[in-house]
């Protein structure tokens, strides 16, 4: 059975990465500049399925080709230990021989072999000093360190330790860079932490929809490579259904090829069936996930929004909920920070998650 060229699962990195060339170029340009360049510390914000993980994985691969040891972790209570372990393991190949260590004073390398810390350094040194030692040793081999953290959490001790350590290393001129990614609410909370105010100087990127032209080119190319033909109107139907949303793009593409079976021609009915299946997966993977942590009043706000086919006026939502303006603004802010809604026009809001309004109106299966 022929392998499906689309990968509609979270955490995978589809090839090629569509519509993110500019973001990748910006980050790689930062790595080519001296320490302290704003693009060397970048924060990516986006709702589930906007391609945050795929983007970090692509950055890691490109950075390693450019002379960096990339440590990719998911934010949790063990992430600083995992970062050190990854830098040691992945950087080991650049460090040859045994370093003879007389002591482990601050001015002497604390390695017993390669990038393995001496017992004394392992027991006495914390995250900051260990990462400093690793950065200094790798710098001798013209290598830098890139730390990539996915699903950053708001104001955890580990997040604070990492951010403060990074700030100090940059101040000391170490060749380090960092890329963070997370949901808008978590990122906002991290940036508002008084101790981590320096992160507000980092380059911040909101991952919006992909250009539909890029999606169209990808579909046309992939279907042709798979030996399938597709008419322009049917192709346009498939492309528009994705709304430029990376996860949906993979889902619609995957189900289109799956339902095409042995047919060499992708007809309209095949794409229509694929779209139905893609939306069902979206409900389970994204809609239910983003709604689960919300309060009843959060959901009331969204239900009031769903009465509109397009964007909603705040005044209309206030009237439907029969609450004060101050009350409605509180929930508006909460839902924007959660990445569920957005506000592109003053006094109006719209759903930031594809097809969420249709789901709340009961229009999706």
Protein backbone atom coordinates (compact mmCIF):
# COMPACT_ATOMS: atom_id res chain seq x y z
CA UNK A 1 0.00 0.00 0.00
CA UNK A 2 1.36 3.41 -0.97
CA UNK A 3 2.41 5.63 1.95
CA UNK A 4 0.28 8.75 2.45
CA UNK A 5 2.47 11.84 1.99
CA UNK A 6 0.47 13.90 4.50
CA UNK A 7 1.09 13.65 8.27
CA UNK A 8 -1.93 14.92 10.24
CA UNK A 9 -0.57 14.37 13.76
CA UNK A 10 0.67 16.81 16.38
CA UNK A 11 4.40 16.96 17.00
CA UNK A 12 5.44 15.78 13.53
CA UNK A 13 7.35 17.91 11.06
CA UNK A 14 5.87 17.75 7.57
CA UNK A 15 8.16 18.35 4.62
CA UNK A 16 8.26 20.91 3.21
CA UNK A 17 7.28 23.39 5.91
CA UNK A 18 4.80 25.60 4.09
CA UNK A 19 4.51 29.37 4.46
CA UNK A 20 7.14 29.87 7.18
CA UNK A 21 10.18 30.76 5.06
CA UNK A 22 10.29 34.35 6.29
CA UNK A 23 10.19 33.33 9.96
CA UNK A 24 12.92 30.75 9.44
CA UNK A 25 15.11 33.25 7.58
CA UNK A 26 14.70 35.80 10.37
CA UNK A 27 15.78 33.35 13.04
CA UNK A 28 18.72 32.02 11.06
CA UNK A 29 19.81 35.59 10.34
CA UNK A 30 19.86 36.18 14.10
CA UNK A 31 22.12 33.16 14.62
CA UNK A 32 24.54 34.62 12.07
CA UNK A 33 24.84 37.83 14.10
CA UNK A 34 26.70 38.41 17.38
CA UNK A 35 25.19 37.54 20.75
CA UNK A 36 22.37 39.86 21.76
CA UNK A 37 20.73 40.13 18.33
CA UNK A 38 16.93 40.25 18.98
CA UNK A 39 16.15 37.32 16.66
CA UNK A 40 18.43 35.06 18.69
CA UNK A 41 15.68 35.04 21.33
CA UNK A 42 12.32 34.45 19.65
CA UNK A 43 8.93 33.63 21.15
CA UNK A 44 6.39 31.95 18.87
CA UNK A 45 2.71 32.18 19.85
CA UNK A 46 -0.10 30.18 18.34
CA UNK A 47 -3.16 28.06 18.99
CA UNK A 48 -2.99 24.26 18.81
CA UNK A 49 -2.32 23.06 15.30
CA UNK A 50 -0.69 26.24 14.00
CA UNK A 51 2.63 24.46 13.48
CA UNK A 52 4.62 25.61 16.53
CA UNK A 53 6.32 22.26 17.12
CA UNK A 54 7.05 21.71 13.43
CA UNK A 55 8.62 25.18 13.23
CA UNK A 56 10.88 24.54 16.24
CA UNK A 57 11.98 21.20 14.79
CA UNK A 58 12.84 22.85 11.47
CA UNK A 59 14.79 25.58 13.28
CA UNK A 60 16.70 22.94 15.25
CA UNK A 61 17.73 21.09 12.08
CA UNK A 62 18.86 24.25 10.30
CA UNK A 63 20.70 25.54 13.36
CA UNK A 64 22.66 22.30 13.73
CA UNK A 65 23.82 22.65 10.13
CA UNK A 66 24.91 26.19 10.98
CA UNK A 67 27.13 25.11 13.87
CA UNK A 68 24.82 24.90 16.88
CA UNK A 69 24.08 22.11 19.31
CA UNK A 70 20.28 22.15 19.53
CA UNK A 71 18.49 21.03 22.68
CA UNK A 72 14.76 20.62 22.03
CA UNK A 73 12.58 20.08 25.12
CA UNK A 74 8.96 20.31 26.19
CA UNK A 75 8.46 22.57 29.19
CA UNK A 76 8.12 20.58 32.41
CA UNK A 77 9.74 20.23 35.83
CA UNK A 78 12.71 18.30 34.40
CA UNK A 79 13.47 20.48 31.40
CA UNK A 80 16.67 22.11 32.70
CA UNK A 81 18.19 18.69 33.43
CA UNK A 82 17.13 17.44 29.99
CA UNK A 83 18.64 20.52 28.31
CA UNK A 84 22.01 19.81 29.93
CA UNK A 85 21.84 16.13 28.99
CA UNK A 86 20.97 16.89 25.37
CA UNK A 87 23.78 19.42 25.02
CA UNK A 88 26.22 16.91 26.50
CA UNK A 89 25.10 14.01 24.31
CA UNK A 90 24.72 15.97 21.06
CA UNK A 91 27.88 18.02 21.63
CA UNK A 92 30.05 15.05 22.56
CA UNK A 93 31.08 14.37 18.97
CA UNK A 94 32.75 17.78 18.76
CA UNK A 95 34.89 17.27 21.86
CA UNK A 96 37.75 14.79 21.58
CA UNK A 97 40.07 13.36 24.22
CA UNK A 98 40.26 13.62 27.98
CA UNK A 99 40.59 16.88 29.87
CA UNK A 100 42.92 16.50 32.84
CA UNK A 101 41.31 18.44 35.64
CA UNK A 102 43.25 19.48 38.73
CA UNK A 103 40.24 21.05 40.38
CA UNK A 104 36.82 22.35 39.56
CA UNK A 105 37.28 25.97 40.53
CA UNK A 106 35.28 28.51 38.53
CA UNK A 107 38.20 29.14 36.20
CA UNK A 108 38.87 25.49 35.38
CA UNK A 109 36.83 23.17 33.18
CA UNK A 110 34.72 20.77 35.23
CA UNK A 111 34.75 17.88 32.76
CA UNK A 112 36.23 14.45 33.39
CA UNK A 113 35.85 13.20 29.82
CA UNK A 114 34.40 14.88 26.75
CA UNK A 115 31.37 16.77 28.04
CA UNK A 116 30.84 14.56 31.09
CA UNK A 117 31.01 16.59 34.30
CA UNK A 118 33.32 15.56 37.09
CA UNK A 119 31.59 14.15 40.15
CA UNK A 120 32.34 17.34 42.07
CA UNK A 121 30.96 19.57 39.31
CA UNK A 122 27.90 17.36 38.98
CA UNK A 123 27.13 17.62 42.69
CA UNK A 124 28.05 21.23 43.38
CA UNK A 125 27.20 23.15 40.23
CA UNK A 126 23.72 24.28 39.26
CA UNK A 127 22.10 24.72 35.88
CA UNK A 128 23.62 28.12 35.15
CA UNK A 129 27.23 27.17 35.82
CA UNK A 130 26.94 23.82 34.04
CA UNK A 131 25.50 25.46 30.94
CA UNK A 132 28.27 28.07 31.09
CA UNK A 133 30.91 25.32 31.14
CA UNK A 134 29.28 23.59 28.19
CA UNK A 135 29.05 26.84 26.21
CA UNK A 136 32.71 27.62 26.86
CA UNK A 137 33.90 24.15 25.84
CA UNK A 138 31.78 24.08 22.68
CA UNK A 139 32.96 27.58 21.77
CA UNK A 140 36.50 26.17 21.51
CA UNK A 141 35.16 24.05 18.68
CA UNK A 142 33.26 26.99 17.12
CA UNK A 143 29.89 25.62 18.23
CA UNK A 144 27.06 27.46 19.91
CA UNK A 145 24.05 26.27 21.92
CA UNK A 146 20.44 26.66 20.82
CA UNK A 147 17.71 25.89 23.37
CA UNK A 148 14.22 25.23 22.03
CA UNK A 149 11.29 24.95 24.44
CA UNK A 150 7.86 23.84 23.29
CA UNK A 151 4.59 24.30 25.20
CA UNK A 152 6.04 26.85 27.62
CA UNK A 153 4.19 27.11 30.89
CA UNK A 154 3.33 30.28 32.79
CA UNK A 155 5.66 31.30 35.59
CA UNK A 156 7.08 27.92 36.61
CA UNK A 157 10.34 27.77 38.61
CA UNK A 158 12.00 25.95 35.72
CA UNK A 159 10.91 28.57 33.20
CA UNK A 160 12.28 31.31 35.43
CA UNK A 161 15.58 29.49 35.94
CA UNK A 162 16.02 28.96 32.22
CA UNK A 163 15.18 32.56 31.32
CA UNK A 164 17.41 34.07 33.99
CA UNK A 165 20.29 31.74 33.03
CA UNK A 166 19.92 32.70 29.38
CA UNK A 167 19.96 36.38 30.28
CA UNK A 168 23.18 35.98 32.25
CA UNK A 169 24.90 33.93 29.53
CA UNK A 170 24.03 36.52 26.89
CA UNK A 171 25.40 39.23 29.19
CA UNK A 172 28.63 37.25 29.48
CA UNK A 173 28.94 37.01 25.69
CA UNK A 174 28.27 33.27 25.40
CA UNK A 175 27.16 31.94 22.03
CA UNK A 176 23.66 30.89 23.05
CA UNK A 177 20.24 31.39 21.47
CA UNK A 178 16.71 30.44 22.47
CA UNK A 179 13.38 29.78 20.76
CA UNK A 180 10.21 29.40 22.79
CA UNK A 181 6.74 28.36 21.65
CA UNK A 182 3.39 28.14 23.39
CA UNK A 183 -0.26 29.01 23.54
CA UNK A 184 -0.95 32.75 23.63
CA UNK A 185 -2.19 32.72 27.23
CA UNK A 186 0.87 30.88 28.56
CA UNK A 187 3.24 33.12 26.59
CA UNK A 188 1.46 36.26 27.80
CA UNK A 189 1.76 35.13 31.42
CA UNK A 190 5.47 34.41 31.03
CA UNK A 191 6.09 37.81 29.44
CA UNK A 192 4.24 39.58 32.25
CA UNK A 193 6.40 38.00 34.97
CA UNK A 194 8.27 40.87 36.67
CA UNK A 195 11.41 38.74 37.02
CA UNK A 196 11.44 37.89 33.31
CA UNK A 197 10.89 41.36 31.90
CA UNK A 198 13.93 40.97 29.63
CA UNK A 199 11.92 38.45 27.57
CA UNK A 200 9.75 41.35 26.44
CA UNK A 201 12.74 42.42 24.36
CA UNK A 202 12.72 39.07 22.58
CA UNK A 203 11.40 38.88 19.04
CA UNK A 204 7.73 37.87 19.27
CA UNK A 205 5.92 36.10 16.45
CA UNK A 206 2.23 35.27 16.18
CA UNK A 207 1.72 32.23 13.97
CA UNK A 208 -1.21 33.16 11.78
CA UNK A 209 -2.83 31.29 8.88
CA UNK A 210 -0.70 30.14 5.97
CA UNK A 211 -1.07 31.94 2.63
CA UNK A 212 -3.66 29.99 0.62
CA UNK A 213 -1.47 30.28 -2.50
CA UNK A 214 1.21 28.31 -0.65
CA UNK A 215 -1.34 25.68 0.36
CA UNK A 216 -2.55 25.44 -3.24
CA UNK A 217 0.98 24.96 -4.56
CA UNK A 218 1.68 22.27 -1.97
CA UNK A 219 -1.51 20.35 -2.75
CA UNK A 220 -1.04 20.56 -6.52
CA UNK A 221 2.56 19.36 -6.21
CA UNK A 222 1.86 16.56 -3.74
CA UNK A 223 -1.15 15.21 -5.64
CA UNK A 224 0.86 15.23 -8.88
CA UNK A 225 3.77 13.46 -7.19
CA UNK A 226 1.29 10.82 -6.00
CA UNK A 227 0.14 10.31 -9.59
CA UNK A 228 -3.22 12.06 -9.16
CA UNK A 229 -4.89 14.76 -11.22
CA UNK A 230 -7.21 17.37 -9.74
CA UNK A 231 -9.27 20.06 -11.44
CA UNK A 232 -8.85 23.74 -10.50
CA UNK A 233 -12.28 24.05 -8.86
CA UNK A 234 -11.81 20.90 -6.80
CA UNK A 235 -8.32 22.04 -5.80
CA UNK A 236 -9.73 25.41 -4.73
CA UNK A 237 -12.38 23.65 -2.63
CA UNK A 238 -9.71 21.66 -0.80
CA UNK A 239 -7.48 24.69 -0.29
CA UNK A 240 -10.21 27.01 1.00
CA UNK A 241 -11.45 24.40 3.47
CA UNK A 242 -8.11 24.56 5.32
CA UNK A 243 -8.46 28.28 6.10
CA UNK A 244 -4.66 28.31 5.96
CA UNK A 245 -4.50 26.28 9.18
CA UNK A 246 -1.48 23.90 9.07
CA UNK A 247 -3.13 21.02 10.94
CA UNK A 248 -6.24 21.21 8.75
CA UNK A 249 -4.02 21.35 5.67
CA UNK A 250 -2.50 18.02 6.65
CA UNK A 251 -5.89 16.52 7.57
CA UNK A 252 -7.64 17.49 4.33
CA UNK A 253 -4.67 16.32 2.27
CA UNK A 254 -4.46 13.03 4.15
CA UNK A 255 -8.14 12.18 3.82
CA UNK A 256 -8.24 13.28 0.18
CA UNK A 257 -5.58 10.72 -0.75
CA UNK A 258 -7.09 8.10 1.54
CA UNK A 259 -10.55 8.37 -0.02
CA UNK A 260 -9.14 8.62 -3.54
CA UNK A 261 -8.06 5.00 -3.20
CA UNK A 262 -6.78 3.68 -6.51
CA UNK A 263 -8.38 6.48 -8.52
CA UNK A 264 -5.96 8.61 -10.57
CA UNK A 265 -8.40 11.52 -10.58
CA UNK A 266 -9.43 13.44 -7.45
CA UNK A 267 -13.06 14.37 -7.91
CA UNK A 268 -15.16 16.86 -5.97
CA UNK A 269 -17.01 14.19 -3.96
CA UNK A 270 -13.68 12.80 -2.73
CA UNK A 271 -12.61 16.21 -1.41
CA UNK A 272 -16.03 16.83 0.15
CA UNK A 273 -15.77 13.56 2.07
CA UNK A 274 -12.21 14.41 3.08
CA UNK A 275 -13.33 17.78 4.47
CA UNK A 276 -16.07 16.13 6.56
CA UNK A 277 -13.55 13.69 8.05
CA UNK A 278 -10.99 16.44 8.64
CA UNK A 279 -13.52 18.52 10.57
CA UNK A 280 -14.43 15.52 12.72
CA UNK A 281 -10.77 15.09 13.66
CA UNK A 282 -10.53 18.82 14.34
CA UNK A 283 -13.41 18.55 16.84
CA UNK A 284 -11.66 15.82 18.84
CA UNK A 285 -8.10 17.14 18.59
CA UNK A 286 -8.61 20.90 18.83
CA UNK A 287 -12.16 22.06 19.64
CA UNK A 288 -12.75 19.81 22.65
CA UNK A 289 -9.18 20.36 23.87
CA UNK A 290 -9.36 24.14 23.82
CA UNK A 291 -12.87 24.22 25.36
CA UNK A 292 -12.11 21.77 28.18
CA UNK A 293 -10.28 24.19 30.54
CA UNK A 294 -12.76 27.05 30.03
CA UNK A 295 -15.29 28.10 32.66
CA UNK A 296 -19.05 27.99 32.12
CA UNK A 297 -19.12 31.76 31.64
CA UNK A 298 -16.28 31.53 29.11
CA UNK A 299 -18.42 29.10 27.17
CA UNK A 300 -21.46 31.37 27.51
CA UNK A 301 -19.42 34.14 25.88
CA UNK A 302 -18.47 31.82 23.02
CA UNK A 303 -22.04 30.63 22.57
CA UNK A 304 -23.15 34.27 22.33
CA UNK A 305 -20.46 34.83 19.70
CA UNK A 306 -21.52 31.76 17.73
CA UNK A 307 -24.85 33.40 16.94
CA UNK A 308 -22.96 35.49 14.35
CA UNK A 309 -21.71 33.92 11.15
CA UNK A 310 -18.77 36.31 10.90
CA UNK A 311 -17.16 38.51 13.57
CA UNK A 312 -19.21 39.65 16.58
CA UNK A 313 -19.73 43.07 18.07
CA UNK A 314 -18.85 43.24 21.77
CA UNK A 315 -22.02 45.25 22.37
CA UNK A 316 -24.12 42.41 20.88
CA UNK A 317 -22.44 39.80 23.08
CA UNK A 318 -23.01 42.02 26.13
CA UNK A 319 -26.69 42.32 25.30
CA UNK A 320 -27.10 38.58 24.71
CA UNK A 321 -25.42 37.75 28.04
CA UNK A 322 -27.19 40.60 29.87
CA UNK A 323 -24.04 41.68 31.73
CA UNK A 324 -22.09 44.90 32.27
CA UNK A 325 -19.43 46.23 29.91
CA UNK A 326 -16.73 45.65 32.53
CA UNK A 327 -17.86 42.04 32.93
CA UNK A 328 -17.78 41.36 29.21
CA UNK A 329 -14.31 42.88 28.84
CA UNK A 330 -12.99 40.55 31.54
CA UNK A 331 -14.05 37.48 29.60
CA UNK A 332 -13.00 38.97 26.28
CA UNK A 333 -9.47 39.37 27.67
CA UNK A 334 -9.42 35.85 29.14
CA UNK A 335 -10.45 34.23 25.87
CA UNK A 336 -7.98 36.26 23.79
CA UNK A 337 -5.16 35.22 26.13
CA UNK A 338 -6.33 31.60 25.82
CA UNK A 339 -6.01 31.91 22.04
CA UNK A 340 -9.64 30.96 21.45
CA UNK A 341 -10.74 34.31 20.05
CA UNK A 342 -9.00 37.33 18.54
CA UNK A 343 -9.81 40.98 17.96
CA UNK A 344 -8.71 42.42 14.64
CA UNK A 345 -11.15 45.35 14.73
CA UNK A 346 -11.97 47.69 17.59
CA UNK A 347 -15.17 46.62 19.31
CA UNK A 348 -15.35 43.25 17.55
CA UNK A 349 -14.09 39.71 18.15
CA UNK A 350 -13.84 36.56 16.03
CA UNK A 351 -12.98 32.92 16.61
CA UNK A 352 -9.25 32.19 16.39
CA UNK A 353 -9.84 28.43 16.12
CA UNK A 354 -11.10 27.25 12.70
CA UNK A 355 -14.74 26.14 12.53
CA UNK A 356 -15.26 26.62 16.28
CA UNK A 357 -18.32 28.79 15.66
CA UNK A 358 -19.85 26.10 13.43
CA UNK A 359 -19.14 23.48 16.10
CA UNK A 360 -20.81 25.54 18.84
CA UNK A 361 -23.82 26.08 16.58
CA UNK A 362 -24.11 22.32 16.10
CA UNK A 363 -23.35 22.51 12.39
CA UNK A 364 -20.52 19.97 12.51
CA UNK A 365 -21.06 16.27 13.14
